[in-house]
Amino acid sequence: MDKKRIYITCLLILALMGIIPLSGCSAEASGEDAALLKEVTLGVWRNDEIIPAVNSFNSQHDQFQIRIVNYDSLDLMHTELMAGKYCDFYLLDMDYSAMAGKKLFVDLMPMVEDTLKSTKNEVVPELRDAMTVDGALMQIPYEFRIGTCEGLRQYFDGHGISLEDAKQALGDCMGPIFPEEWKEKNITTKVSAVSSIFFVDQLNERDYFQKSKFEEYLKFWIDGWMEQQSKNMDSNLALFRPTFITEPGEPPVDGYIYTGYPTMTGMSAGSYFSFGSAFSIISGSKNVEEAWEFICFCLSPEHQRTVHDGMPVNSRVLQERIDERIEAKEITEDDAKNFYELLEETEWLTASPKITDIFSDEISACFGGKRQVGEAAKMIENRLNLYLEESRE
């Protein structure tokens, strides 16, 4: 049996088991069950990790059941949302800003205030605050990571460095700007990711892209990369090591310190929260309370202790994990202290993948020496303008 037939057979089996519907985003029970059991639909995109949680929750509840709706395409899901065809709530990694502006999602902050704060289900406060915009909380992640950068300890003394600090260190450093084993594609991906976070503000229509600041920022990375390519620096340590923290208290590599990415004057420290997926409830749902009950279940200590693809968002479980790592001598008390300090200074959130792709498409040629920085910045500005206009329609 070829792979395609196996894949189709698996989909049919899953559909018969009730894990996914064959089409659309409605998931209705049939027969006597439809009359007795209410279904609350959860839209996901390529996310199988939530299935055990759904099965566990459903086995404990007889008033309603969570039914997963698995989308093959984010574009399809977005189109259906805008057309008013939606699930009750979603667990997705996507750009919520345009939809939040259209009030498509429920503000979760009142429910957080009532049921999560100062309880065993409390979300890590620093993460919650970073995700709050104008007092509203439109999404809550299932797990999280911290995107940051390590810098050589001999040139930096702590987290939060300016672009000027980085330029000075690069001038003094005899080594490459990035690890020697890194390829051009790796560099483009990292610079695109942080640039789309630092220089795009979708909530500010008049100054959504800080073009001139971005040009200066991009030139720093390109100049460093070009010099690295022109000289033999293989034996020297890199000035920066971009990384993700996926385990609480994880120390930097020997000889390095967490600095965050360099940022421009007036910007916050250059580390950001990243998460694989986050919950949001559709404002038109008739099952808001039921959806919130499931979200609280996923944020409970019992369930958050099973999260291993990243760090738990439950603050008590996060502390438990740190204590366990200290007891197992995986980390030290100082490592834990440094982690919490970094957590307090992490404020940014991962940008929309589509916005990051715009940056990546346009700056990749710059790192290959085939495009000028100003030209790339202008193309990014034009494409961002078009994308943001379409998002607000």
Protein backbone atom coordinates (compact mmCIF):
# COMPACT_ATOMS: atom_id res chain seq x y z
CA MET A 1 0.00 0.00 0.00
CA ASP A 2 1.54 3.37 -0.99
CA LYS A 3 1.93 6.29 1.40
CA LYS A 4 -1.02 8.21 -0.03
CA ARG A 5 -3.44 5.31 0.48
CA ILE A 6 -2.10 4.75 4.01
CA TYR A 7 -2.59 8.45 4.80
CA ILE A 8 -6.19 8.44 3.50
CA THR A 9 -6.95 5.25 5.44
CA CYS A 10 -5.61 6.84 8.64
CA LEU A 11 -7.78 9.92 8.12
CA LEU A 12 -10.86 7.76 7.66
CA ILE A 13 -10.07 5.83 10.84
CA LEU A 14 -9.58 9.05 12.82
CA ALA A 15 -12.84 10.42 11.47
CA LEU A 16 -14.72 7.28 12.46
CA MET A 17 -13.19 7.52 15.93
CA GLY A 18 -14.54 11.07 16.24
CA ILE A 19 -11.11 12.70 16.47
CA ILE A 20 -11.54 14.77 13.30
CA PRO A 21 -14.47 15.57 11.05
CA LEU A 22 -14.10 14.87 7.34
CA SER A 23 -14.97 18.43 6.26
CA GLY A 24 -15.95 21.86 7.48
CA CYS A 25 -15.63 23.03 11.05
CA SER A 26 -18.91 21.77 12.43
CA ALA A 27 -18.81 18.54 14.40
CA GLU A 28 -22.24 17.27 15.22
CA ALA A 29 -23.00 14.09 17.14
CA SER A 30 -25.57 11.73 15.66
CA GLY A 31 -28.42 9.64 16.97
CA GLU A 32 -29.29 9.66 20.67
CA ASP A 33 -25.91 11.19 21.61
CA ALA A 34 -26.78 14.42 19.76
CA ALA A 35 -29.83 14.90 21.96
CA LEU A 36 -28.00 14.15 25.19
CA LEU A 37 -24.48 15.48 24.74
CA LYS A 38 -23.47 18.98 23.74
CA GLU A 39 -20.35 19.31 21.64
CA VAL A 40 -17.84 22.15 21.92
CA THR A 41 -15.61 22.43 18.86
CA LEU A 42 -11.86 23.08 19.12
CA GLY A 43 -10.12 24.12 15.90
CA VAL A 44 -6.49 23.09 15.50
CA TRP A 45 -3.93 23.05 12.73
CA ARG A 46 -1.48 20.14 12.59
CA ASN A 47 -1.57 19.70 16.33
CA ASP A 48 -1.80 16.16 17.67
CA GLU A 49 -0.35 16.99 21.09
CA ILE A 50 -3.72 18.18 22.38
CA ILE A 51 -5.48 14.87 21.66
CA PRO A 52 -4.53 13.20 25.00
CA ALA A 53 -5.81 16.25 26.90
CA VAL A 54 -9.10 16.18 24.98
CA ASN A 55 -9.53 12.45 25.60
CA SER A 56 -8.76 12.86 29.30
CA PHE A 57 -11.14 15.80 29.67
CA ASN A 58 -13.96 14.05 27.81
CA SER A 59 -13.62 10.94 29.96
CA GLN A 60 -14.27 13.09 33.05
CA HIS A 61 -17.22 15.10 31.72
CA ASP A 62 -20.70 13.90 30.82
CA GLN A 63 -22.40 17.29 30.27
CA PHE A 64 -20.48 18.17 27.11
CA GLN A 65 -17.59 16.92 25.03
CA ILE A 66 -14.71 18.63 23.23
CA ARG A 67 -14.59 17.75 19.53
CA ILE A 68 -11.38 18.50 17.60
CA VAL A 69 -11.64 20.06 14.15
CA ASN A 70 -8.34 19.58 12.33
CA TYR A 71 -7.65 22.08 9.53
CA ASP A 72 -5.34 21.18 6.67
CA SER A 73 -4.84 24.82 5.76
CA LEU A 74 -4.55 27.99 7.83
CA ASP A 75 -5.78 29.99 4.84
CA LEU A 76 -8.98 27.93 4.79
CA MET A 77 -9.46 28.42 8.50
CA HIS A 78 -8.87 32.17 8.17
CA THR A 79 -11.33 32.42 5.29
CA GLU A 80 -14.01 30.54 7.22
CA LEU A 81 -13.44 32.72 10.27
CA MET A 82 -13.91 35.90 8.28
CA ALA A 83 -17.04 34.40 6.71
CA GLY A 84 -18.52 33.70 10.14
CA LYS A 85 -18.02 29.95 10.01
CA TYR A 86 -16.09 29.11 13.12
CA CYS A 87 -15.43 26.66 15.90
CA ASP A 88 -16.08 27.59 19.53
CA PHE A 89 -12.38 28.06 20.27
CA TYR A 90 -8.96 27.47 18.76
CA LEU A 91 -5.49 26.22 19.61
CA LEU A 92 -3.26 27.68 16.93
CA ASP A 93 0.10 29.27 16.19
CA MET A 94 -0.95 32.26 14.13
CA ASP A 95 -1.24 36.04 13.95
CA TYR A 96 -4.19 37.18 16.09
CA SER A 97 -3.75 40.94 15.85
CA ALA A 98 -6.01 41.62 12.88
CA MET A 99 -8.74 39.33 14.22
CA ALA A 100 -8.45 40.82 17.68
CA GLY A 101 -8.98 44.25 16.15
CA LYS A 102 -12.24 42.99 14.65
CA LYS A 103 -13.28 41.73 18.10
CA LEU A 104 -13.50 38.16 16.84
CA PHE A 105 -12.07 36.81 20.07
CA VAL A 106 -13.25 36.94 23.67
CA ASP A 107 -11.16 39.03 26.06
CA LEU A 108 -9.93 36.38 28.48
CA MET A 109 -8.63 38.81 31.10
CA PRO A 110 -11.87 38.96 33.17
CA MET A 111 -11.92 35.16 33.36
CA VAL A 112 -8.23 35.08 34.22
CA GLU A 113 -8.84 37.57 37.01
CA ASP A 114 -11.76 35.54 38.36
CA THR A 115 -10.43 32.00 38.10
CA LEU A 116 -6.66 31.88 37.56
CA LYS A 117 -4.87 34.65 39.44
CA SER A 118 -3.36 33.58 42.77
CA THR A 119 -4.62 30.01 42.29
CA LYS A 120 -2.90 26.74 41.47
CA ASN A 121 -3.77 27.37 37.80
CA GLU A 122 -2.07 30.78 37.57
CA VAL A 123 -0.29 31.55 34.30
CA VAL A 124 3.32 32.75 34.52
CA PRO A 125 2.72 36.49 35.22
CA GLU A 126 5.51 37.75 32.93
CA LEU A 127 4.09 35.75 30.02
CA ARG A 128 0.53 36.86 30.72
CA ASP A 129 1.57 40.52 30.90
CA ALA A 130 3.52 40.30 27.65
CA MET A 131 0.44 38.94 25.89
CA THR A 132 -1.87 41.63 27.25
CA VAL A 133 -2.54 44.53 24.85
CA ASP A 134 -4.45 47.60 26.08
CA GLY A 135 -5.71 45.57 29.03
CA ALA A 136 -7.12 42.79 26.85
CA LEU A 137 -5.89 39.19 26.71
CA MET A 138 -6.97 37.45 23.51
CA GLN A 139 -4.91 34.28 23.79
CA ILE A 140 -3.28 31.99 26.34
CA PRO A 141 -0.46 29.65 25.34
CA TYR A 142 -0.27 25.96 26.11
CA GLU A 143 3.51 26.01 26.66
CA PHE A 144 6.29 28.51 25.95
CA ARG A 145 9.94 29.07 25.14
CA ILE A 146 12.24 32.08 25.30
CA GLY A 147 14.06 33.18 22.17
CA THR A 148 17.28 34.94 23.14
CA CYS A 149 20.94 35.34 22.34
CA GLU A 150 24.12 34.43 24.18
CA GLY A 151 27.04 36.84 23.99
CA LEU A 152 30.70 36.29 24.87
CA ARG A 153 31.10 37.06 28.56
CA GLN A 154 34.38 38.97 28.00
CA TYR A 155 32.49 41.64 26.04
CA PHE A 156 29.14 41.82 27.81
CA ASP A 157 28.10 41.94 31.46
CA GLY A 158 24.42 41.05 31.39
CA HIS A 159 21.08 40.87 29.62
CA GLY A 160 19.92 43.82 27.57
CA ILE A 161 22.50 45.24 25.17
CA SER A 162 22.19 48.08 22.70
CA LEU A 163 23.16 47.99 19.05
CA GLU A 164 26.02 50.36 19.91
CA ASP A 165 27.27 47.88 22.55
CA ALA A 166 27.18 45.15 19.90
CA LYS A 167 29.03 47.27 17.33
CA GLN A 168 31.77 48.04 19.83
CA ALA A 169 32.13 44.40 20.81
CA LEU A 170 32.22 43.29 17.17
CA GLY A 171 35.03 45.76 16.51
CA ASP A 172 37.05 44.40 19.42
CA CYS A 173 36.27 40.72 18.88
CA MET A 174 38.68 38.63 16.82
CA GLY A 175 36.09 35.93 16.20
CA PRO A 176 33.08 35.59 13.88
CA ILE A 177 29.74 37.24 14.62
CA PHE A 178 27.92 33.88 14.40
CA PRO A 179 29.02 30.29 15.10
CA GLU A 180 31.23 29.10 12.25
CA GLU A 181 29.05 26.06 11.55
CA TRP A 182 26.03 28.26 10.87
CA LYS A 183 24.94 28.65 7.27
CA GLU A 184 23.54 31.66 5.43
CA LYS A 185 20.02 30.25 5.72
CA ASN A 186 20.31 30.01 9.53
CA ILE A 187 21.46 33.62 9.76
CA THR A 188 18.67 34.88 7.51
CA THR A 189 16.06 32.99 9.55
CA LYS A 190 17.23 34.42 12.88
CA VAL A 191 17.63 38.01 11.69
CA SER A 192 14.23 37.85 9.96
CA ALA A 193 12.55 36.54 13.11
CA VAL A 194 13.89 39.22 15.45
CA SER A 195 13.46 42.03 12.91
CA SER A 196 9.79 41.17 12.37
CA ILE A 197 9.32 41.40 16.14
CA PHE A 198 11.35 44.52 16.88
CA PHE A 199 10.42 46.73 13.93
CA VAL A 200 6.76 45.96 13.13
CA ASP A 201 3.89 47.26 15.25
CA GLN A 202 0.55 46.29 13.74
CA LEU A 203 -1.36 48.28 16.35
CA ASN A 204 0.32 51.52 15.22
CA GLU A 205 -1.12 52.33 11.80
CA ARG A 206 0.96 55.48 11.31
CA ASP A 207 4.33 53.99 12.22
CA TYR A 208 3.89 50.26 11.83
CA PHE A 209 7.36 49.72 10.27
CA GLN A 210 10.41 51.55 11.57
CA LYS A 211 12.23 51.46 8.25
CA SER A 212 15.27 53.63 8.99
CA LYS A 213 16.02 51.86 12.28
CA PHE A 214 15.62 48.50 10.59
CA GLU A 215 18.13 49.46 7.89
CA GLU A 216 20.76 50.27 10.52
CA TYR A 217 20.01 47.03 12.34
CA LEU A 218 20.18 44.87 9.22
CA LYS A 219 23.44 46.52 8.12
CA PHE A 220 25.08 45.53 11.42
CA TRP A 221 24.32 41.84 10.90
CA ILE A 222 25.25 41.86 7.21
CA ASP A 223 28.56 43.68 7.77
CA GLY A 224 29.45 41.20 10.51
CA TRP A 225 28.51 38.23 8.33
CA MET A 226 30.44 39.55 5.30
CA GLU A 227 33.56 40.05 7.39
CA GLN A 228 33.16 36.57 8.83
CA GLN A 229 33.05 35.14 5.29
CA SER A 230 36.11 37.07 4.15
CA LYS A 231 38.43 36.00 6.99
CA ASN A 232 39.57 32.72 8.52
CA MET A 233 37.96 32.82 11.97
CA ASP A 234 37.27 29.11 12.42
CA SER A 235 39.35 28.75 15.59
CA ASN A 236 37.72 31.63 17.48
CA LEU A 237 34.50 31.71 19.49
CA ALA A 238 31.55 33.51 17.91
CA LEU A 239 30.48 36.84 19.40
CA PHE A 240 26.82 35.75 19.49
CA ARG A 241 24.99 32.43 19.78
CA PRO A 242 21.23 32.73 19.02
CA THR A 243 19.26 30.15 21.00
CA PHE A 244 15.93 29.07 22.46
CA ILE A 245 15.47 28.26 26.14
CA THR A 246 13.16 25.26 26.38
CA GLU A 247 14.01 24.14 29.91
CA PRO A 248 13.72 26.49 32.93
CA GLY A 249 17.05 27.48 34.43
CA GLU A 250 19.07 26.24 31.46
CA PRO A 251 22.47 27.99 31.69
CA PRO A 252 24.26 29.48 28.67
CA VAL A 253 27.19 27.72 27.04
CA ASP A 254 30.50 28.06 28.93
CA GLY A 255 32.10 31.42 28.26
CA TYR A 256 28.80 33.04 27.36
CA ILE A 257 26.08 35.04 29.10
CA TYR A 258 22.46 35.65 28.12
CA THR A 259 22.43 39.09 26.50
CA GLY A 260 19.34 38.96 24.33
CA TYR A 261 19.55 40.28 20.78
CA PRO A 262 20.95 43.81 20.42
CA THR A 263 18.16 46.39 20.29
CA MET A 264 17.87 50.03 19.27
CA THR A 265 17.62 52.95 21.67
CA GLY A 266 14.28 53.05 23.48
CA MET A 267 13.49 49.38 22.90
CA SER A 268 13.07 46.74 25.58
CA ALA A 269 15.68 44.04 26.15
CA GLY A 270 16.02 41.73 23.18
CA SER A 271 14.53 38.43 24.33
CA TYR A 272 11.08 37.24 23.31
CA PHE A 273 8.42 34.71 24.25
CA SER A 274 7.66 32.02 21.71
CA PHE A 275 5.00 29.34 21.90
CA GLY A 276 3.91 26.52 19.67
CA SER A 277 0.21 27.28 20.02
CA ALA A 278 -2.27 29.31 22.05
CA PHE A 279 -5.95 29.15 22.98
CA SER A 280 -8.48 31.76 21.87
CA ILE A 281 -12.28 31.72 22.20
CA ILE A 282 -14.48 33.06 19.41
CA SER A 283 -16.70 35.91 20.59
CA GLY A 284 -19.70 34.48 18.73
CA SER A 285 -19.47 31.12 20.48
CA LYS A 286 -22.43 29.93 22.54
CA ASN A 287 -20.09 27.76 24.57
CA VAL A 288 -17.66 30.27 26.06
CA GLU A 289 -17.91 28.86 29.59
CA GLU A 290 -17.38 25.32 28.38
CA ALA A 291 -14.39 26.32 26.27
CA TRP A 292 -12.90 28.18 29.23
CA GLU A 293 -13.40 25.12 31.43
CA PHE A 294 -11.31 23.07 29.04
CA ILE A 295 -8.61 25.76 28.88
CA CYS A 296 -8.43 25.80 32.68
CA PHE A 297 -8.11 22.02 32.61
CA CYS A 298 -5.12 22.35 30.27
CA LEU A 299 -3.56 24.96 32.58
CA SER A 300 -4.02 22.86 35.73
CA PRO A 301 -0.93 21.52 37.52
CA GLU A 302 -1.99 17.95 36.81
CA HIS A 303 -1.99 18.52 33.07
CA GLN A 304 0.83 21.05 32.85
CA ARG A 305 3.18 18.52 34.45
CA THR A 306 2.85 16.49 31.24
CA VAL A 307 4.11 19.37 29.05
CA HIS A 308 7.60 18.66 27.76
CA ASP A 309 7.73 20.34 24.36
CA GLY A 310 8.74 23.62 25.95
CA MET A 311 8.14 25.07 29.42
CA PRO A 312 4.84 24.89 31.35
CA VAL A 313 2.81 28.10 31.48
CA ASN A 314 1.51 27.22 34.94
CA SER A 315 3.70 29.23 37.32
CA ARG A 316 3.63 26.63 40.10
CA VAL A 317 4.57 23.80 37.77
CA LEU A 318 7.35 25.94 36.33
CA GLN A 319 8.75 26.38 39.85
CA GLU A 320 8.38 22.65 40.49
CA ARG A 321 10.38 21.90 37.37
CA ILE A 322 13.13 24.27 38.47
CA ASP A 323 13.26 22.71 41.95
CA GLU A 324 13.46 19.23 40.42
CA ARG A 325 16.34 20.28 38.18
CA ILE A 326 18.23 21.81 41.10
CA GLU A 327 17.74 18.65 43.18
CA ALA A 328 18.96 16.52 40.27
CA LYS A 329 21.98 18.85 39.95
CA GLU A 330 21.09 19.67 36.37
CA ILE A 331 21.20 23.38 37.24
CA THR A 332 22.36 25.49 40.18
CA GLU A 333 20.58 28.00 42.41
CA ASP A 334 22.36 30.76 40.48
CA ASP A 335 21.07 29.33 37.19
CA ALA A 336 17.52 29.47 38.57
CA LYS A 337 18.03 33.06 39.78
CA ASN A 338 19.40 34.13 36.39
CA PHE A 339 16.47 32.45 34.64
CA TYR A 340 13.89 34.38 36.64
CA GLU A 341 15.75 37.62 35.98
CA LEU A 342 15.67 36.85 32.26
CA LEU A 343 11.98 35.96 32.50
CA GLU A 344 11.22 39.37 34.02
CA GLU A 345 13.02 41.16 31.18
CA THR A 346 11.42 39.16 28.36
CA GLU A 347 8.61 41.23 26.86
CA TRP A 348 8.39 40.58 23.15
CA LEU A 349 6.10 38.08 21.42
CA THR A 350 6.77 36.06 18.29
CA ALA A 351 5.53 37.86 15.17
CA SER A 352 3.18 36.44 12.56
CA PRO A 353 4.85 33.76 10.42
CA LYS A 354 3.64 35.61 7.32
CA ILE A 355 5.36 38.81 8.43
CA THR A 356 8.55 36.91 9.24
CA ASP A 357 8.42 35.35 5.77
CA ILE A 358 8.25 38.81 4.19
CA PHE A 359 11.48 39.77 5.95
CA SER A 360 13.15 36.48 5.08
CA ASP A 361 12.22 36.71 1.39
CA GLU A 362 13.64 40.20 1.01
CA ILE A 363 16.81 40.11 3.13
CA SER A 364 18.16 36.70 2.07
CA ALA A 365 19.76 38.25 -1.03
CA CYS A 366 21.46 40.86 1.19
CA PHE A 367 23.40 38.18 3.04
CA GLY A 368 24.46 36.77 -0.32
CA GLY A 369 25.73 40.19 -1.38
CA LYS A 370 23.16 40.47 -4.19
CA ARG A 371 20.94 43.24 -2.80
CA GLN A 372 21.43 46.54 -1.01
CA VAL A 373 19.97 47.07 2.45
CA GLY A 374 17.91 50.09 1.39
CA GLU A 375 16.33 48.19 -1.49
CA ALA A 376 15.36 45.29 0.78
CA ALA A 377 13.89 47.65 3.37
CA LYS A 378 11.78 49.39 0.74
CA MET A 379 10.42 46.10 -0.57
CA ILE A 380 9.61 44.99 2.98
CA GLU A 381 7.78 48.26 3.60
CA ASN A 382 5.69 47.84 0.44
CA ARG A 383 4.80 44.23 1.19
CA LEU A 384 4.00 44.96 4.84
CA ASN A 385 1.74 47.80 3.77
CA LEU A 386 -0.17 45.48 1.45
CA TYR A 387 -0.35 42.67 4.02
CA LEU A 388 -1.56 44.92 6.84
CA GLU A 389 -4.18 46.54 4.63
CA GLU A 390 -5.53 43.11 3.65
CA SER A 391 -5.54 42.05 7.30
CA ARG A 392 -7.69 45.00 8.31
CA GLU A 393 -10.29 44.50 5.57
